[in-house]
Amino acid sequence: MKLSCKTCGKPLAANTRKLIARSTGYCVEHANKQKWSAESRAKLAATLEKKWARRLTDPAERAAAVESGKRLRARIVQNDELVAKQIAGRRRSFWVPEGYDDLNRRMKQQGFTLAERKAIIFAEVEGTPEHARRTVANHIDAQRIRQERDRAQAY
């Protein structure tokens, strides 16, 4: 017996990729719409309410639910710790000097190219030719601004 969509009558595929559509009785186009319709949500809410009412009144079910929640919480905490370890031990880019990883990451997220990031970071690192050029340029600019200010105040 071939199944067809309850809305449009289109035959439902037999392969496993369309399993959700087959289990709901709707084709792929209508399955998602049906899933979030008001009556579907009301039916789901009623089902969950019955399930939890039973679980909370029966002491054995309640104990099982509490234990399940504790196991889930422990797994979540473990995952958080694992993620923290992965972030702490992540591989640095080989060209980024120590202490400039965060700056490199932020600039990368903002869309700076590799060449731009290198130029900016090396201009910040003392002992590099880029830093020396930037320092000299800053002093020259400061002298020029001072001279312009003195000239403007002379009158």
C-alpha atoms as a PDB file:
ATOM      1  CA  MET A   1       0.000   0.000   0.000  1.00  0.00           C
ATOM      2  CA  LYS A   2       1.421   3.336  -1.052  1.00  0.00           C
ATOM      3  CA  LEU A   3       1.108   6.165   1.398  1.00  0.00           C
ATOM      4  CA  SER A   4       0.167   9.632   0.180  1.00  0.00           C
ATOM      5  CA  CYS A   5       0.247  13.109   1.694  1.00  0.00           C
ATOM      6  CA  LYS A   6      -2.858  13.976   3.729  1.00  0.00           C
ATOM      7  CA  THR A   7      -2.855  17.511   2.292  1.00  0.00           C
ATOM      8  CA  CYS A   8      -1.946  17.252  -1.396  1.00  0.00           C
ATOM      9  CA  GLY A   9      -2.217  13.513  -2.116  1.00  0.00           C
ATOM     10  CA  LYS A  10       1.384  13.284  -3.393  1.00  0.00           C
ATOM     11  CA  PRO A  11       2.848   9.742  -2.915  1.00  0.00           C
ATOM     12  CA  LEU A  12       5.334   9.544  -0.064  1.00  0.00           C
ATOM     13  CA  ALA A  13       8.847   8.235  -0.775  1.00  0.00           C
ATOM     14  CA  ALA A  14       9.806   4.845   0.621  1.00  0.00           C
ATOM     15  CA  ASN A  15      13.449   5.708   1.323  1.00  0.00           C
ATOM     16  CA  THR A  16      14.728   6.475   4.803  1.00  0.00           C
ATOM     17  CA  ARG A  17      15.629  10.114   4.051  1.00  0.00           C
ATOM     18  CA  LYS A  18      11.930  10.870   3.959  1.00  0.00           C
ATOM     19  CA  LEU A  19      11.182   8.955   7.152  1.00  0.00           C
ATOM     20  CA  ILE A  20       9.824  11.997   8.982  1.00  0.00           C
ATOM     21  CA  ALA A  21       7.439  12.738   6.141  1.00  0.00           C
ATOM     22  CA  ARG A  22       6.299   9.100   6.088  1.00  0.00           C
ATOM     23  CA  SER A  23       5.757   8.984   9.865  1.00  0.00           C
ATOM     24  CA  THR A  24       3.660  12.164   9.873  1.00  0.00           C
ATOM     25  CA  GLY A  25       1.639  11.259   6.807  1.00  0.00           C
ATOM     26  CA  TYR A  26       2.576  14.470   5.000  1.00  0.00           C
ATOM     27  CA  CYS A  27       4.977  15.160   2.137  1.00  0.00           C
ATOM     28  CA  VAL A  28       8.210  17.067   2.851  1.00  0.00           C
ATOM     29  CA  GLU A  29       6.619  20.419   1.911  1.00  0.00           C
ATOM     30  CA  HIS A  30       3.658  19.961   4.265  1.00  0.00           C
ATOM     31  CA  ALA A  31       5.334  18.006   7.102  1.00  0.00           C
ATOM     32  CA  ASN A  32       7.163  21.029   8.515  1.00  0.00           C
ATOM     33  CA  LYS A  33       4.081  23.264   8.262  1.00  0.00           C
ATOM     34  CA  GLN A  34       1.978  20.622   9.964  1.00  0.00           C
ATOM     35  CA  LYS A  35       4.589  20.110  12.673  1.00  0.00           C
ATOM     36  CA  TRP A  36       4.250  23.699  13.862  1.00  0.00           C
ATOM     37  CA  SER A  37       0.511  24.199  13.343  1.00  0.00           C
ATOM     38  CA  ALA A  38      -1.564  25.311  16.348  1.00  0.00           C
ATOM     39  CA  GLU A  39      -3.411  22.006  16.642  1.00  0.00           C
ATOM     40  CA  SER A  40      -0.173  19.992  16.461  1.00  0.00           C
ATOM     41  CA  ARG A  41       1.372  22.115  19.208  1.00  0.00           C
ATOM     42  CA  ALA A  42      -1.764  21.743  21.366  1.00  0.00           C
ATOM     43  CA  LYS A  43      -1.740  17.968  20.874  1.00  0.00           C
ATOM     44  CA  LEU A  44       1.951  17.802  21.804  1.00  0.00           C
ATOM     45  CA  ALA A  45       1.382  19.951  24.901  1.00  0.00           C
ATOM     46  CA  ALA A  46      -1.479  17.691  26.046  1.00  0.00           C
ATOM     47  CA  THR A  47       0.642  14.580  25.527  1.00  0.00           C
ATOM     48  CA  LEU A  48       3.562  16.027  27.473  1.00  0.00           C
ATOM     49  CA  GLU A  49       1.265  17.195  30.254  1.00  0.00           C
ATOM     50  CA  LYS A  50      -0.173  13.677  30.656  1.00  0.00           C
ATOM     51  CA  LYS A  51       3.302  12.142  30.575  1.00  0.00           C
ATOM     52  CA  TRP A  52       4.687  14.477  33.249  1.00  0.00           C
ATOM     53  CA  ALA A  53       1.564  14.216  35.411  1.00  0.00           C
ATOM     54  CA  ARG A  54       2.054  10.438  35.482  1.00  0.00           C
ATOM     55  CA  ARG A  55       5.804  10.736  36.090  1.00  0.00           C
ATOM     56  CA  LEU A  56       5.377  13.173  38.988  1.00  0.00           C
ATOM     57  CA  THR A  57       2.639  11.214  40.793  1.00  0.00           C
ATOM     58  CA  ASP A  58       4.275   7.789  40.618  1.00  0.00           C
ATOM     59  CA  PRO A  59       7.195   7.698  43.126  1.00  0.00           C
ATOM     60  CA  ALA A  60       9.217   5.211  41.066  1.00  0.00           C
ATOM     61  CA  GLU A  61       8.777   7.265  37.885  1.00  0.00           C
ATOM     62  CA  ARG A  62       9.641  10.459  39.772  1.00  0.00           C
ATOM     63  CA  ALA A  63      12.843   8.920  41.156  1.00  0.00           C
ATOM     64  CA  ALA A  64      13.792   7.725  37.669  1.00  0.00           C
ATOM     65  CA  ALA A  65      13.182  11.224  36.254  1.00  0.00           C
ATOM     66  CA  VAL A  66      15.304  12.828  38.988  1.00  0.00           C
ATOM     67  CA  GLU A  67      18.114  10.348  38.379  1.00  0.00           C
ATOM     68  CA  SER A  68      17.924  10.943  34.626  1.00  0.00           C
ATOM     69  CA  GLY A  69      18.128  14.696  35.217  1.00  0.00           C
ATOM     70  CA  LYS A  70      21.200  14.268  37.437  1.00  0.00           C
ATOM     71  CA  ARG A  71      22.939  12.166  34.772  1.00  0.00           C
ATOM     72  CA  LEU A  72      22.085  14.724  32.099  1.00  0.00           C
ATOM     73  CA  ARG A  73      23.397  17.584  34.269  1.00  0.00           C
ATOM     74  CA  ALA A  74      26.648  15.702  34.919  1.00  0.00           C
ATOM     75  CA  ARG A  75      27.081  15.130  31.182  1.00  0.00           C
ATOM     76  CA  ILE A  76      26.470  18.827  30.469  1.00  0.00           C
ATOM     77  CA  VAL A  77      29.031  19.869  33.102  1.00  0.00           C
ATOM     78  CA  GLN A  78      31.539  17.390  31.661  1.00  0.00           C
ATOM     79  CA  ASN A  79      30.976  18.829  28.193  1.00  0.00           C
ATOM     80  CA  ASP A  80      31.460  22.383  29.499  1.00  0.00           C
ATOM     81  CA  GLU A  81      34.739  21.367  31.129  1.00  0.00           C
ATOM     82  CA  LEU A  82      35.860  19.606  27.955  1.00  0.00           C
ATOM     83  CA  VAL A  83      35.074  22.678  25.851  1.00  0.00           C
ATOM     84  CA  ALA A  84      37.006  24.873  28.308  1.00  0.00           C
ATOM     85  CA  LYS A  85      40.022  22.558  28.027  1.00  0.00           C
ATOM     86  CA  GLN A  86      39.831  22.595  24.242  1.00  0.00           C
ATOM     87  CA  ILE A  87      39.690  26.387  24.186  1.00  0.00           C
ATOM     88  CA  ALA A  88      42.621  26.652  26.596  1.00  0.00           C
ATOM     89  CA  GLY A  89      44.745  24.208  24.602  1.00  0.00           C
ATOM     90  CA  ARG A  90      43.805  25.314  21.112  1.00  0.00           C
ATOM     91  CA  ARG A  91      46.513  25.488  18.497  1.00  0.00           C
ATOM     92  CA  ARG A  92      47.971  28.951  17.952  1.00  0.00           C
ATOM     93  CA  SER A  93      48.943  30.279  14.563  1.00  0.00           C
ATOM     94  CA  PHE A  94      52.702  29.816  14.288  1.00  0.00           C
ATOM     95  CA  TRP A  95      53.372  33.413  13.178  1.00  0.00           C
ATOM     96  CA  VAL A  96      51.379  35.116  15.966  1.00  0.00           C
ATOM     97  CA  PRO A  97      53.673  36.317  18.778  1.00  0.00           C
ATOM     98  CA  GLU A  98      52.846  35.259  22.326  1.00  0.00           C
ATOM     99  CA  GLY A  99      50.075  37.400  23.805  1.00  0.00           C
ATOM    100  CA  TYR A 100      48.594  38.546  20.487  1.00  0.00           C
ATOM    101  CA  ASP A 101      46.284  35.567  19.883  1.00  0.00           C
ATOM    102  CA  ASP A 102      43.148  37.422  20.980  1.00  0.00           C
ATOM    103  CA  LEU A 103      43.931  40.420  18.763  1.00  0.00           C
ATOM    104  CA  ASN A 104      44.532  38.103  15.793  1.00  0.00           C
ATOM    105  CA  ARG A 105      41.270  36.221  16.433  1.00  0.00           C
ATOM    106  CA  ARG A 106      39.209  39.440  16.718  1.00  0.00           C
ATOM    107  CA  MET A 107      40.701  40.894  13.542  1.00  0.00           C
ATOM    108  CA  LYS A 108      40.068  37.615  11.707  1.00  0.00           C
ATOM    109  CA  GLN A 109      36.422  37.674  12.815  1.00  0.00           C
ATOM    110  CA  GLN A 110      36.151  41.273  11.597  1.00  0.00           C
ATOM    111  CA  GLY A 111      37.326  40.239   8.130  1.00  0.00           C
ATOM    112  CA  PHE A 112      40.939  41.452   8.034  1.00  0.00           C
ATOM    113  CA  THR A 113      43.128  39.597   5.554  1.00  0.00           C
ATOM    114  CA  LEU A 114      46.214  37.707   6.695  1.00  0.00           C
ATOM    115  CA  ALA A 115      48.556  40.392   5.301  1.00  0.00           C
ATOM    116  CA  GLU A 116      46.656  43.150   7.130  1.00  0.00           C
ATOM    117  CA  ARG A 117      46.650  41.205  10.390  1.00  0.00           C
ATOM    118  CA  LYS A 118      50.397  40.538  10.151  1.00  0.00           C
ATOM    119  CA  ALA A 119      51.149  44.204   9.452  1.00  0.00           C
ATOM    120  CA  ILE A 120      49.044  45.387  12.387  1.00  0.00           C
ATOM    121  CA  ILE A 121      50.349  42.808  14.862  1.00  0.00           C
ATOM    122  CA  PHE A 122      54.021  43.195  13.914  1.00  0.00           C
ATOM    123  CA  ALA A 123      53.635  46.961  14.252  1.00  0.00           C
ATOM    124  CA  GLU A 124      52.657  46.318  17.882  1.00  0.00           C
ATOM    125  CA  VAL A 125      55.499  43.896  18.740  1.00  0.00           C
ATOM    126  CA  GLU A 126      58.620  45.598  20.079  1.00  0.00           C
ATOM    127  CA  GLY A 127      61.871  44.707  18.343  1.00  0.00           C
ATOM    128  CA  THR A 128      60.383  44.329  14.875  1.00  0.00           C
ATOM    129  CA  PRO A 129      61.204  46.746  12.043  1.00  0.00           C
ATOM    130  CA  GLU A 130      57.482  47.551  11.682  1.00  0.00           C
ATOM    131  CA  HIS A 131      57.313  48.633  15.330  1.00  0.00           C
ATOM    132  CA  ALA A 132      60.410  50.805  14.925  1.00  0.00           C
ATOM    133  CA  ARG A 133      58.904  52.481  11.829  1.00  0.00           C
ATOM    134  CA  ARG A 134      55.636  53.087  13.654  1.00  0.00           C
ATOM    135  CA  THR A 135      57.418  54.524  16.702  1.00  0.00           C
ATOM    136  CA  VAL A 136      59.492  56.915  14.540  1.00  0.00           C
ATOM    137  CA  ALA A 137      56.367  57.939  12.601  1.00  0.00           C
ATOM    138  CA  ASN A 138      54.543  58.627  15.883  1.00  0.00           C
ATOM    139  CA  HIS A 139      57.404  60.853  17.102  1.00  0.00           C
ATOM    140  CA  ILE A 140      57.502  62.731  13.788  1.00  0.00           C
ATOM    141  CA  ASP A 141      53.735  63.265  13.930  1.00  0.00           C
ATOM    142  CA  ALA A 142      53.956  64.442  17.537  1.00  0.00           C
ATOM    143  CA  GLN A 143      56.698  66.975  16.607  1.00  0.00           C
ATOM    144  CA  ARG A 144      54.690  68.231  13.635  1.00  0.00           C
ATOM    145  CA  ILE A 145      51.560  68.668  15.742  1.00  0.00           C
ATOM    146  CA  ARG A 146      53.551  70.462  18.454  1.00  0.00           C
ATOM    147  CA  GLN A 147      55.098  72.830  15.875  1.00  0.00           C
ATOM    148  CA  GLU A 148      51.697  73.560  14.324  1.00  0.00           C
ATOM    149  CA  ARG A 149      50.235  74.252  17.750  1.00  0.00           C
ATOM    150  CA  ASP A 150      53.132  76.568  18.687  1.00  0.00           C
ATOM    151  CA  ARG A 151      52.739  78.477  15.401  1.00  0.00           C
ATOM    152  CA  ALA A 152      48.996  78.843  15.938  1.00  0.00           C
ATOM    153  CA  GLN A 153      49.508  80.104  19.497  1.00  0.00           C
ATOM    154  CA  ALA A 154      52.271  82.532  18.467  1.00  0.00           C
ATOM    155  CA  TYR A 155      49.777  84.910  16.838  1.00  0.00           C
END
